[in-house]
C-alpha atoms as a PDB file:
ATOM      1  CA  MET A   1      23.274 -24.414  13.102  1.00  0.00           C
ATOM      2  CA  THR A   2      26.780 -25.521  12.142  1.00  0.00           C
ATOM      3  CA  ARG A   3      27.361 -27.394   8.892  1.00  0.00           C
ATOM      4  CA  LEU A   4      28.139 -30.802  10.426  1.00  0.00           C
ATOM      5  CA  GLU A   5      25.908 -30.562  13.490  1.00  0.00           C
ATOM      6  CA  ASN A   6      25.619 -33.981  15.209  1.00  0.00           C
ATOM      7  CA  LYS A   7      27.511 -35.733  12.400  1.00  0.00           C
ATOM      8  CA  ILE A   8      29.899 -38.588  13.141  1.00  0.00           C
ATOM      9  CA  ALA A   9      33.133 -38.391  11.159  1.00  0.00           C
ATOM     10  CA  LEU A  10      36.189 -40.628  10.910  1.00  0.00           C
ATOM     11  CA  ILE A  11      39.410 -39.144   9.517  1.00  0.00           C
ATOM     12  CA  THR A  12      42.561 -41.155   8.887  1.00  0.00           C
ATOM     13  CA  GLY A  13      46.023 -39.649   8.889  1.00  0.00           C
ATOM     14  CA  ALA A  14      44.792 -37.032  11.350  1.00  0.00           C
ATOM     15  CA  GLY A  15      48.097 -36.537  13.156  1.00  0.00           C
ATOM     16  CA  GLY A  16      49.049 -33.504  11.081  1.00  0.00           C
ATOM     17  CA  GLY A  17      48.763 -31.665   7.773  1.00  0.00           C
ATOM     18  CA  PHE A  18      45.487 -31.973   5.912  1.00  0.00           C
ATOM     19  CA  GLY A  19      44.152 -34.557   8.352  1.00  0.00           C
ATOM     20  CA  ARG A  20      44.593 -32.342  11.402  1.00  0.00           C
ATOM     21  CA  ALA A  21      43.126 -29.323   9.605  1.00  0.00           C
ATOM     22  CA  MET A  22      40.066 -31.319   8.524  1.00  0.00           C
ATOM     23  CA  ALA A  23      39.599 -32.776  11.987  1.00  0.00           C
ATOM     24  CA  GLU A  24      39.742 -29.345  13.616  1.00  0.00           C
ATOM     25  CA  GLU A  25      37.333 -27.800  11.103  1.00  0.00           C
ATOM     26  CA  PHE A  26      34.866 -30.697  11.198  1.00  0.00           C
ATOM     27  CA  ALA A  27      34.808 -30.530  14.998  1.00  0.00           C
ATOM     28  CA  ARG A  28      34.345 -26.757  14.880  1.00  0.00           C
ATOM     29  CA  GLN A  29      31.371 -27.323  12.588  1.00  0.00           C
ATOM     30  CA  GLY A  30      29.649 -29.591  15.114  1.00  0.00           C
ATOM     31  CA  ALA A  31      30.864 -33.086  14.226  1.00  0.00           C
ATOM     32  CA  HIS A  32      32.090 -35.672  16.695  1.00  0.00           C
ATOM     33  CA  VAL A  33      35.376 -36.636  15.080  1.00  0.00           C
ATOM     34  CA  PHE A  34      37.080 -39.989  15.395  1.00  0.00           C
ATOM     35  CA  ILE A  35      40.689 -39.346  14.470  1.00  0.00           C
ATOM     36  CA  CYS A  36      43.247 -42.010  13.717  1.00  0.00           C
ATOM     37  CA  ASP A  37      46.940 -42.074  12.911  1.00  0.00           C
ATOM     38  CA  ARG A  38      49.763 -44.517  13.498  1.00  0.00           C
ATOM     39  CA  ASP A  39      51.805 -41.739  15.156  1.00  0.00           C
ATOM     40  CA  GLU A  40      50.280 -41.613  18.631  1.00  0.00           C
ATOM     41  CA  PRO A  41      52.000 -38.414  19.888  1.00  0.00           C
ATOM     42  CA  SER A  42      50.882 -36.456  16.815  1.00  0.00           C
ATOM     43  CA  LEU A  43      47.385 -37.874  17.196  1.00  0.00           C
ATOM     44  CA  GLY A  44      47.330 -36.627  20.778  1.00  0.00           C
ATOM     45  CA  GLU A  45      48.307 -33.142  19.622  1.00  0.00           C
ATOM     46  CA  THR A  46      45.361 -33.090  17.227  1.00  0.00           C
ATOM     47  CA  ALA A  47      42.972 -34.248  19.943  1.00  0.00           C
ATOM     48  CA  ASP A  48      44.298 -31.571  22.309  1.00  0.00           C
ATOM     49  CA  ALA A  49      43.901 -28.852  19.682  1.00  0.00           C
ATOM     50  CA  ILE A  50      40.271 -29.852  19.127  1.00  0.00           C
ATOM     51  CA  ALA A  51      39.522 -30.048  22.860  1.00  0.00           C
ATOM     52  CA  LYS A  52      40.971 -26.577  23.479  1.00  0.00           C
ATOM     53  CA  LYS A  53      38.462 -25.158  21.010  1.00  0.00           C
ATOM     54  CA  GLY A  54      35.557 -26.984  22.630  1.00  0.00           C
ATOM     55  CA  GLY A  55      35.235 -29.696  19.999  1.00  0.00           C
ATOM     56  CA  ALA A  56      34.570 -33.404  20.445  1.00  0.00           C
ATOM     57  CA  ALA A  57      37.200 -35.891  19.291  1.00  0.00           C
ATOM     58  CA  THR A  58      38.045 -39.506  19.989  1.00  0.00           C
ATOM     59  CA  PRO A  59      41.692 -40.355  19.184  1.00  0.00           C
ATOM     60  CA  LEU A  60      42.341 -43.925  18.082  1.00  0.00           C
ATOM     61  CA  ARG A  61      45.844 -45.073  17.285  1.00  0.00           C
ATOM     62  CA  ALA A  62      45.669 -47.272  14.163  1.00  0.00           C
ATOM     63  CA  ASP A  63      47.722 -48.348  11.168  1.00  0.00           C
ATOM     64  CA  VAL A  64      45.287 -48.308   8.228  1.00  0.00           C
ATOM     65  CA  CYS A  65      47.264 -51.084   6.551  1.00  0.00           C
ATOM     66  CA  ASP A  66      46.706 -53.424   9.481  1.00  0.00           C
ATOM     67  CA  LYS A  67      43.460 -55.379   9.143  1.00  0.00           C
ATOM     68  CA  GLY A  68      43.205 -55.877  12.886  1.00  0.00           C
ATOM     69  CA  ASP A  69      43.643 -52.154  13.531  1.00  0.00           C
ATOM     70  CA  VAL A  70      40.944 -51.325  10.976  1.00  0.00           C
ATOM     71  CA  ALA A  71      38.544 -53.768  12.600  1.00  0.00           C
ATOM     72  CA  SER A  72      39.229 -52.298  16.044  1.00  0.00           C
ATOM     73  CA  LEU A  73      38.818 -48.775  14.694  1.00  0.00           C
ATOM     74  CA  LEU A  74      35.388 -49.470  13.239  1.00  0.00           C
ATOM     75  CA  SER A  75      34.363 -51.426  16.314  1.00  0.00           C
ATOM     76  CA  ALA A  76      35.149 -48.387  18.470  1.00  0.00           C
ATOM     77  CA  VAL A  77      33.074 -46.126  16.219  1.00  0.00           C
ATOM     78  CA  GLU A  78      30.174 -48.579  16.309  1.00  0.00           C
ATOM     79  CA  LYS A  79      30.331 -48.986  20.077  1.00  0.00           C
ATOM     80  CA  GLU A  80      30.426 -45.249  20.791  1.00  0.00           C
ATOM     81  CA  SER A  81      28.186 -43.874  18.029  1.00  0.00           C
ATOM     82  CA  GLY A  82      26.414 -46.709  16.208  1.00  0.00           C
ATOM     83  CA  ARG A  83      26.782 -45.056  12.821  1.00  0.00           C
ATOM     84  CA  LEU A  84      29.154 -43.131  10.582  1.00  0.00           C
ATOM     85  CA  ASP A  85      28.172 -40.059   8.550  1.00  0.00           C
ATOM     86  CA  VAL A  86      31.513 -39.070   7.011  1.00  0.00           C
ATOM     87  CA  LEU A  87      34.591 -41.163   6.252  1.00  0.00           C
ATOM     88  CA  VAL A  88      37.716 -39.324   5.103  1.00  0.00           C
ATOM     89  CA  ASN A  89      40.481 -41.521   3.701  1.00  0.00           C
ATOM     90  CA  ASN A  90      43.385 -39.127   4.107  1.00  0.00           C
ATOM     91  CA  ALA A  91      46.294 -41.314   5.242  1.00  0.00           C
ATOM     92  CA  GLY A  92      49.036 -41.322   2.637  1.00  0.00           C
ATOM     93  CA  ILE A  93      52.768 -41.584   2.065  1.00  0.00           C
ATOM     94  CA  THR A  94      55.186 -40.747  -0.702  1.00  0.00           C
ATOM     95  CA  GLN A  95      58.756 -41.605  -1.631  1.00  0.00           C
ATOM     96  CA  ARG A  96      60.987 -40.389  -4.420  1.00  0.00           C
ATOM     97  CA  GLU A  97      61.903 -43.161  -6.869  1.00  0.00           C
ATOM     98  CA  ASP A  98      61.379 -43.709 -10.579  1.00  0.00           C
ATOM     99  CA  PHE A  99      60.083 -46.765 -12.423  1.00  0.00           C
ATOM    100  CA  ARG A 100      63.608 -47.849 -13.380  1.00  0.00           C
ATOM    101  CA  HIS A 101      64.739 -48.282  -9.806  1.00  0.00           C
ATOM    102  CA  ILE A 102      61.702 -48.750  -7.610  1.00  0.00           C
ATOM    103  CA  THR A 103      61.648 -52.041  -5.729  1.00  0.00           C
ATOM    104  CA  ASP A 104      58.649 -54.305  -5.402  1.00  0.00           C
ATOM    105  CA  GLU A 105      58.554 -53.491  -1.690  1.00  0.00           C
ATOM    106  CA  GLN A 106      58.536 -49.724  -2.264  1.00  0.00           C
ATOM    107  CA  TRP A 107      55.820 -50.014  -4.888  1.00  0.00           C
ATOM    108  CA  GLN A 108      53.638 -52.212  -2.706  1.00  0.00           C
ATOM    109  CA  GLU A 109      53.966 -49.972   0.340  1.00  0.00           C
ATOM    110  CA  ILE A 110      52.749 -46.925  -1.611  1.00  0.00           C
ATOM    111  CA  LEU A 111      49.770 -48.833  -3.005  1.00  0.00           C
ATOM    112  CA  ASP A 112      48.961 -50.414   0.361  1.00  0.00           C
ATOM    113  CA  VAL A 113      48.755 -47.077   2.197  1.00  0.00           C
ATOM    114  CA  ASN A 114      47.398 -44.779  -0.517  1.00  0.00           C
ATOM    115  CA  LEU A 115      44.944 -47.106  -2.239  1.00  0.00           C
ATOM    116  CA  THR A 116      44.271 -50.488  -0.654  1.00  0.00           C
ATOM    117  CA  ALA A 117      43.768 -49.071   2.846  1.00  0.00           C
ATOM    118  CA  ALA A 118      41.151 -46.643   1.514  1.00  0.00           C
ATOM    119  CA  MET A 119      39.368 -49.480  -0.284  1.00  0.00           C
ATOM    120  CA  ARG A 120      39.388 -51.718   2.783  1.00  0.00           C
ATOM    121  CA  LEU A 121      38.152 -49.041   5.169  1.00  0.00           C
ATOM    122  CA  SER A 122      35.435 -47.882   2.747  1.00  0.00           C
ATOM    123  CA  ARG A 123      34.330 -51.491   2.264  1.00  0.00           C
ATOM    124  CA  ASP A 124      34.366 -52.453   5.919  1.00  0.00           C
ATOM    125  CA  ALA A 125      32.693 -49.207   7.049  1.00  0.00           C
ATOM    126  CA  LEU A 126      29.737 -49.591   4.694  1.00  0.00           C
ATOM    127  CA  GLY A 127      27.526 -51.107   7.392  1.00  0.00           C
ATOM    128  CA  LEU A 128      27.999 -48.038   9.610  1.00  0.00           C
ATOM    129  CA  LEU A 129      27.638 -45.650   6.675  1.00  0.00           C
ATOM    130  CA  LYS A 130      24.325 -47.273   5.684  1.00  0.00           C
ATOM    131  CA  VAL A 131      22.907 -46.682   9.152  1.00  0.00           C
ATOM    132  CA  SER A 132      23.293 -42.939   8.652  1.00  0.00           C
ATOM    133  CA  GLY A 133      20.904 -42.825   5.695  1.00  0.00           C
ATOM    134  CA  LYS A 134      22.810 -40.015   3.978  1.00  0.00           C
ATOM    135  CA  SER A 135      26.520 -40.459   4.448  1.00  0.00           C
ATOM    136  CA  SER A 136      29.616 -39.746   2.400  1.00  0.00           C
ATOM    137  CA  ILE A 137      33.147 -40.907   1.757  1.00  0.00           C
ATOM    138  CA  LEU A 138      35.869 -38.450   0.821  1.00  0.00           C
ATOM    139  CA  ASN A 139      39.150 -39.745  -0.577  1.00  0.00           C
ATOM    140  CA  ILE A 140      42.169 -37.446  -0.625  1.00  0.00           C
ATOM    141  CA  SER A 141      43.833 -37.831  -4.010  1.00  0.00           C
ATOM    142  CA  SER A 142      46.178 -35.227  -5.530  1.00  0.00           C
ATOM    143  CA  ILE A 143      46.773 -33.170  -8.650  1.00  0.00           C
ATOM    144  CA  MET A 144      49.447 -35.802  -9.243  1.00  0.00           C
ATOM    145  CA  GLU A 145      46.661 -38.079 -10.441  1.00  0.00           C
ATOM    146  CA  ARG A 146      46.755 -35.966 -13.627  1.00  0.00           C
ATOM    147  CA  VAL A 147      50.250 -34.487 -13.749  1.00  0.00           C
ATOM    148  CA  HIS A 148      53.414 -36.487 -13.311  1.00  0.00           C
ATOM    149  CA  VAL A 149      56.775 -35.551 -11.867  1.00  0.00           C
ATOM    150  CA  ARG A 150      59.953 -37.582 -12.140  1.00  0.00           C
ATOM    151  CA  GLN A 151      60.596 -39.869  -9.166  1.00  0.00           C
ATOM    152  CA  LEU A 152      56.988 -39.732  -7.990  1.00  0.00           C
ATOM    153  CA  SER A 153      55.892 -42.609 -10.201  1.00  0.00           C
ATOM    154  CA  ALA A 154      54.304 -44.826  -7.575  1.00  0.00           C
ATOM    155  CA  TYR A 155      52.675 -41.892  -5.774  1.00  0.00           C
ATOM    156  CA  SER A 156      51.097 -40.565  -8.978  1.00  0.00           C
ATOM    157  CA  THR A 157      49.885 -44.038  -9.911  1.00  0.00           C
ATOM    158  CA  SER A 158      48.305 -44.584  -6.495  1.00  0.00           C
ATOM    159  CA  LYS A 159      46.523 -41.228  -6.557  1.00  0.00           C
ATOM    160  CA  ALA A 160      45.182 -41.794 -10.083  1.00  0.00           C
ATOM    161  CA  ALA A 161      43.903 -45.199  -9.003  1.00  0.00           C
ATOM    162  CA  LEU A 162      42.286 -43.644  -5.914  1.00  0.00           C
ATOM    163  CA  ALA A 163      40.432 -41.159  -8.112  1.00  0.00           C
ATOM    164  CA  GLY A 164      39.221 -43.952 -10.384  1.00  0.00           C
ATOM    165  CA  MET A 165      38.180 -46.060  -7.427  1.00  0.00           C
ATOM    166  CA  SER A 166      36.195 -43.132  -6.020  1.00  0.00           C
ATOM    167  CA  ARG A 167      34.192 -42.797  -9.235  1.00  0.00           C
ATOM    168  CA  ALA A 168      33.512 -46.535  -9.394  1.00  0.00           C
ATOM    169  CA  MET A 169      32.563 -46.689  -5.734  1.00  0.00           C
ATOM    170  CA  ALA A 170      30.185 -43.735  -6.161  1.00  0.00           C
ATOM    171  CA  VAL A 171      28.167 -45.750  -8.660  1.00  0.00           C
ATOM    172  CA  GLU A 172      28.005 -48.839  -6.457  1.00  0.00           C
ATOM    173  CA  TYR A 173      27.370 -47.061  -3.149  1.00  0.00           C
ATOM    174  CA  ALA A 174      24.640 -44.788  -4.541  1.00  0.00           C
ATOM    175  CA  ALA A 175      22.201 -47.647  -3.914  1.00  0.00           C
ATOM    176  CA  PHE A 176      22.840 -47.157  -0.187  1.00  0.00           C
ATOM    177  CA  ASN A 177      22.654 -43.356  -0.342  1.00  0.00           C
ATOM    178  CA  VAL A 178      26.385 -43.108   0.323  1.00  0.00           C
ATOM    179  CA  ARG A 179      28.114 -40.414  -1.701  1.00  0.00           C
ATOM    180  CA  VAL A 180      31.770 -40.838  -2.708  1.00  0.00           C
ATOM    181  CA  ASN A 181      33.941 -37.935  -3.857  1.00  0.00           C
ATOM    182  CA  TYR A 182      37.628 -37.071  -3.935  1.00  0.00           C
ATOM    183  CA  LEU A 183      39.812 -34.024  -3.460  1.00  0.00           C
ATOM    184  CA  CYS A 184      42.877 -33.190  -5.526  1.00  0.00           C
ATOM    185  CA  PRO A 185      45.046 -30.819  -3.486  1.00  0.00           C
ATOM    186  CA  GLY A 186      47.714 -28.842  -5.291  1.00  0.00           C
ATOM    187  CA  TYR A 187      51.096 -27.858  -3.956  1.00  0.00           C
ATOM    188  CA  ALA A 188      50.780 -27.291  -0.217  1.00  0.00           C
ATOM    189  CA  GLU A 189      53.041 -26.747   2.764  1.00  0.00           C
ATOM    190  CA  THR A 190      52.870 -29.843   4.948  1.00  0.00           C
ATOM    191  CA  ALA A 191      55.346 -32.152   6.644  1.00  0.00           C
ATOM    192  CA  MET A 192      55.236 -34.361   3.539  1.00  0.00           C
ATOM    193  CA  THR A 193      56.402 -31.555   1.229  1.00  0.00           C
ATOM    194  CA  ASN A 194      58.730 -29.606   3.540  1.00  0.00           C
ATOM    195  CA  ARG A 195      61.861 -31.384   2.362  1.00  0.00           C
ATOM    196  CA  ILE A 196      61.167 -30.467  -1.265  1.00  0.00           C
ATOM    197  CA  LEU A 197      60.021 -26.910  -0.580  1.00  0.00           C
ATOM    198  CA  ARG A 198      63.180 -26.088   1.368  1.00  0.00           C
ATOM    199  CA  ASN A 199      64.874 -25.847  -2.034  1.00  0.00           C
ATOM    200  CA  SER A 200      64.365 -22.178  -2.938  1.00  0.00           C
ATOM    201  CA  ALA A 201      64.548 -22.797  -6.693  1.00  0.00           C
ATOM    202  CA  VAL A 202      61.916 -25.532  -6.531  1.00  0.00           C
ATOM    203  CA  ARG A 203      59.766 -23.405  -4.260  1.00  0.00           C
ATOM    204  CA  LYS A 204      59.853 -20.434  -6.641  1.00  0.00           C
ATOM    205  CA  GLY A 205      59.197 -22.643  -9.656  1.00  0.00           C
ATOM    206  CA  LEU A 206      56.095 -24.158  -8.111  1.00  0.00           C
ATOM    207  CA  ILE A 207      54.703 -20.800  -7.003  1.00  0.00           C
ATOM    208  CA  ASP A 208      55.343 -19.399 -10.476  1.00  0.00           C
ATOM    209  CA  ARG A 209      53.242 -22.245 -11.898  1.00  0.00           C
ATOM    210  CA  THR A 210      50.327 -21.381  -9.603  1.00  0.00           C
ATOM    211  CA  PRO A 211      48.242 -18.432 -10.866  1.00  0.00           C
ATOM    212  CA  LEU A 212      47.051 -17.547  -7.355  1.00  0.00           C
ATOM    213  CA  GLY A 213      50.702 -17.086  -6.447  1.00  0.00           C
ATOM    214  CA  ARG A 214      50.906 -19.179  -3.287  1.00  0.00           C
ATOM    215  CA  PHE A 215      50.757 -22.715  -1.957  1.00  0.00           C
ATOM    216  CA  ALA A 216      47.594 -24.226  -0.534  1.00  0.00           C
ATOM    217  CA  SER A 217      47.271 -24.197   3.231  1.00  0.00           C
ATOM    218  CA  PRO A 218      45.886 -27.198   5.118  1.00  0.00           C
ATOM    219  CA  ARG A 219      42.839 -25.055   5.913  1.00  0.00           C
ATOM    220  CA  ASP A 220      42.186 -24.527   2.186  1.00  0.00           C
ATOM    221  CA  ILE A 221      41.886 -28.280   1.852  1.00  0.00           C
ATOM    222  CA  ALA A 222      39.801 -28.574   5.021  1.00  0.00           C
ATOM    223  CA  MET A 223      37.235 -26.054   3.767  1.00  0.00           C
ATOM    224  CA  ALA A 224      36.824 -27.900   0.457  1.00  0.00           C
ATOM    225  CA  ALA A 225      36.448 -31.160   2.382  1.00  0.00           C
ATOM    226  CA  LEU A 226      33.851 -29.541   4.616  1.00  0.00           C
ATOM    227  CA  PHE A 227      31.715 -28.640   1.614  1.00  0.00           C
ATOM    228  CA  LEU A 228      31.809 -32.144   0.132  1.00  0.00           C
ATOM    229  CA  ALA A 229      31.077 -33.712   3.522  1.00  0.00           C
ATOM    230  CA  SER A 230      28.142 -31.418   4.262  1.00  0.00           C
ATOM    231  CA  ASP A 231      24.515 -31.655   3.185  1.00  0.00           C
ATOM    232  CA  GLU A 232      25.204 -28.743   0.837  1.00  0.00           C
ATOM    233  CA  ALA A 233      26.769 -31.343  -1.474  1.00  0.00           C
ATOM    234  CA  ALA A 234      23.858 -33.777  -1.138  1.00  0.00           C
ATOM    235  CA  PHE A 235      23.584 -34.394  -4.901  1.00  0.00           C
ATOM    236  CA  ILE A 236      27.309 -34.461  -5.636  1.00  0.00           C
ATOM    237  CA  THR A 237      28.922 -37.882  -5.956  1.00  0.00           C
ATOM    238  CA  GLY A 238      31.612 -39.420  -8.116  1.00  0.00           C
ATOM    239  CA  GLU A 239      33.316 -36.042  -8.501  1.00  0.00           C
ATOM    240  CA  GLY A 240      36.862 -34.793  -7.991  1.00  0.00           C
ATOM    241  CA  LEU A 241      37.460 -31.263  -6.748  1.00  0.00           C
ATOM    242  CA  SER A 242      40.832 -29.667  -7.462  1.00  0.00           C
ATOM    243  CA  VAL A 243      42.125 -27.265  -4.823  1.00  0.00           C
ATOM    244  CA  ASP A 244      45.208 -26.076  -6.640  1.00  0.00           C
ATOM    245  CA  GLY A 245      45.081 -22.321  -7.248  1.00  0.00           C
ATOM    246  CA  ALA A 246      44.548 -22.994 -10.975  1.00  0.00           C
ATOM    247  CA  SER A 247      47.988 -24.612 -11.311  1.00  0.00           C
ATOM    248  CA  MET A 248      46.473 -27.357 -13.474  1.00  0.00           C
ATOM    249  CA  VAL A 249      44.318 -25.116 -15.696  1.00  0.00           C
ATOM    250  CA  GLU A 250      45.329 -25.580 -19.327  1.00  0.00           C
END
């Protein structure tokens, strides 16, 4: 028996990075995975990767900030499966700007993608999550919710708010037997971080700050997500799990 046998999962931002790794692992563990991303070619690559390994995936192109897209996404899940066991709010963006110079538009875009979209999808998916009887939501935050780096002001703020929202939502959704947790990945090699990690001095500095001596891989994050999404974590809710190689241990 695989750990997500016959589960229905929906993962946003599944076109690459953490999202693709989670989608592949969830499918390998027996889940039917609905994957969404606004980048259709990347989404297709994820679906192909899952199919080649014998997994089941339904790709759905969607912008999580578009209310109409969210409604269509959930309608597709309802029509095909009638319920939702696991929702992973993974879609996220970042941009380098500090509080002195960030524009209202830049600030709002970060909050819209990283926070408001997760709230809206978690709210609107509740009906499907309740049908399951023992479902869970997993929000992908970051170690940046606790540590702050210059020019990542809006990103850090959005991830801290996402962590706080997860804890609050866990209390409210417990009445429906819906667990809500969040992951805090550390420094990892993904498309989002490649530009920064190309700088050899920055790369060395970050590895030196990580006791395990390496960056996280997308699979490291996927395996932690798998645990929180599985029945093995049936009494865990409102918690944040750091996957950071002890880089944040004081």
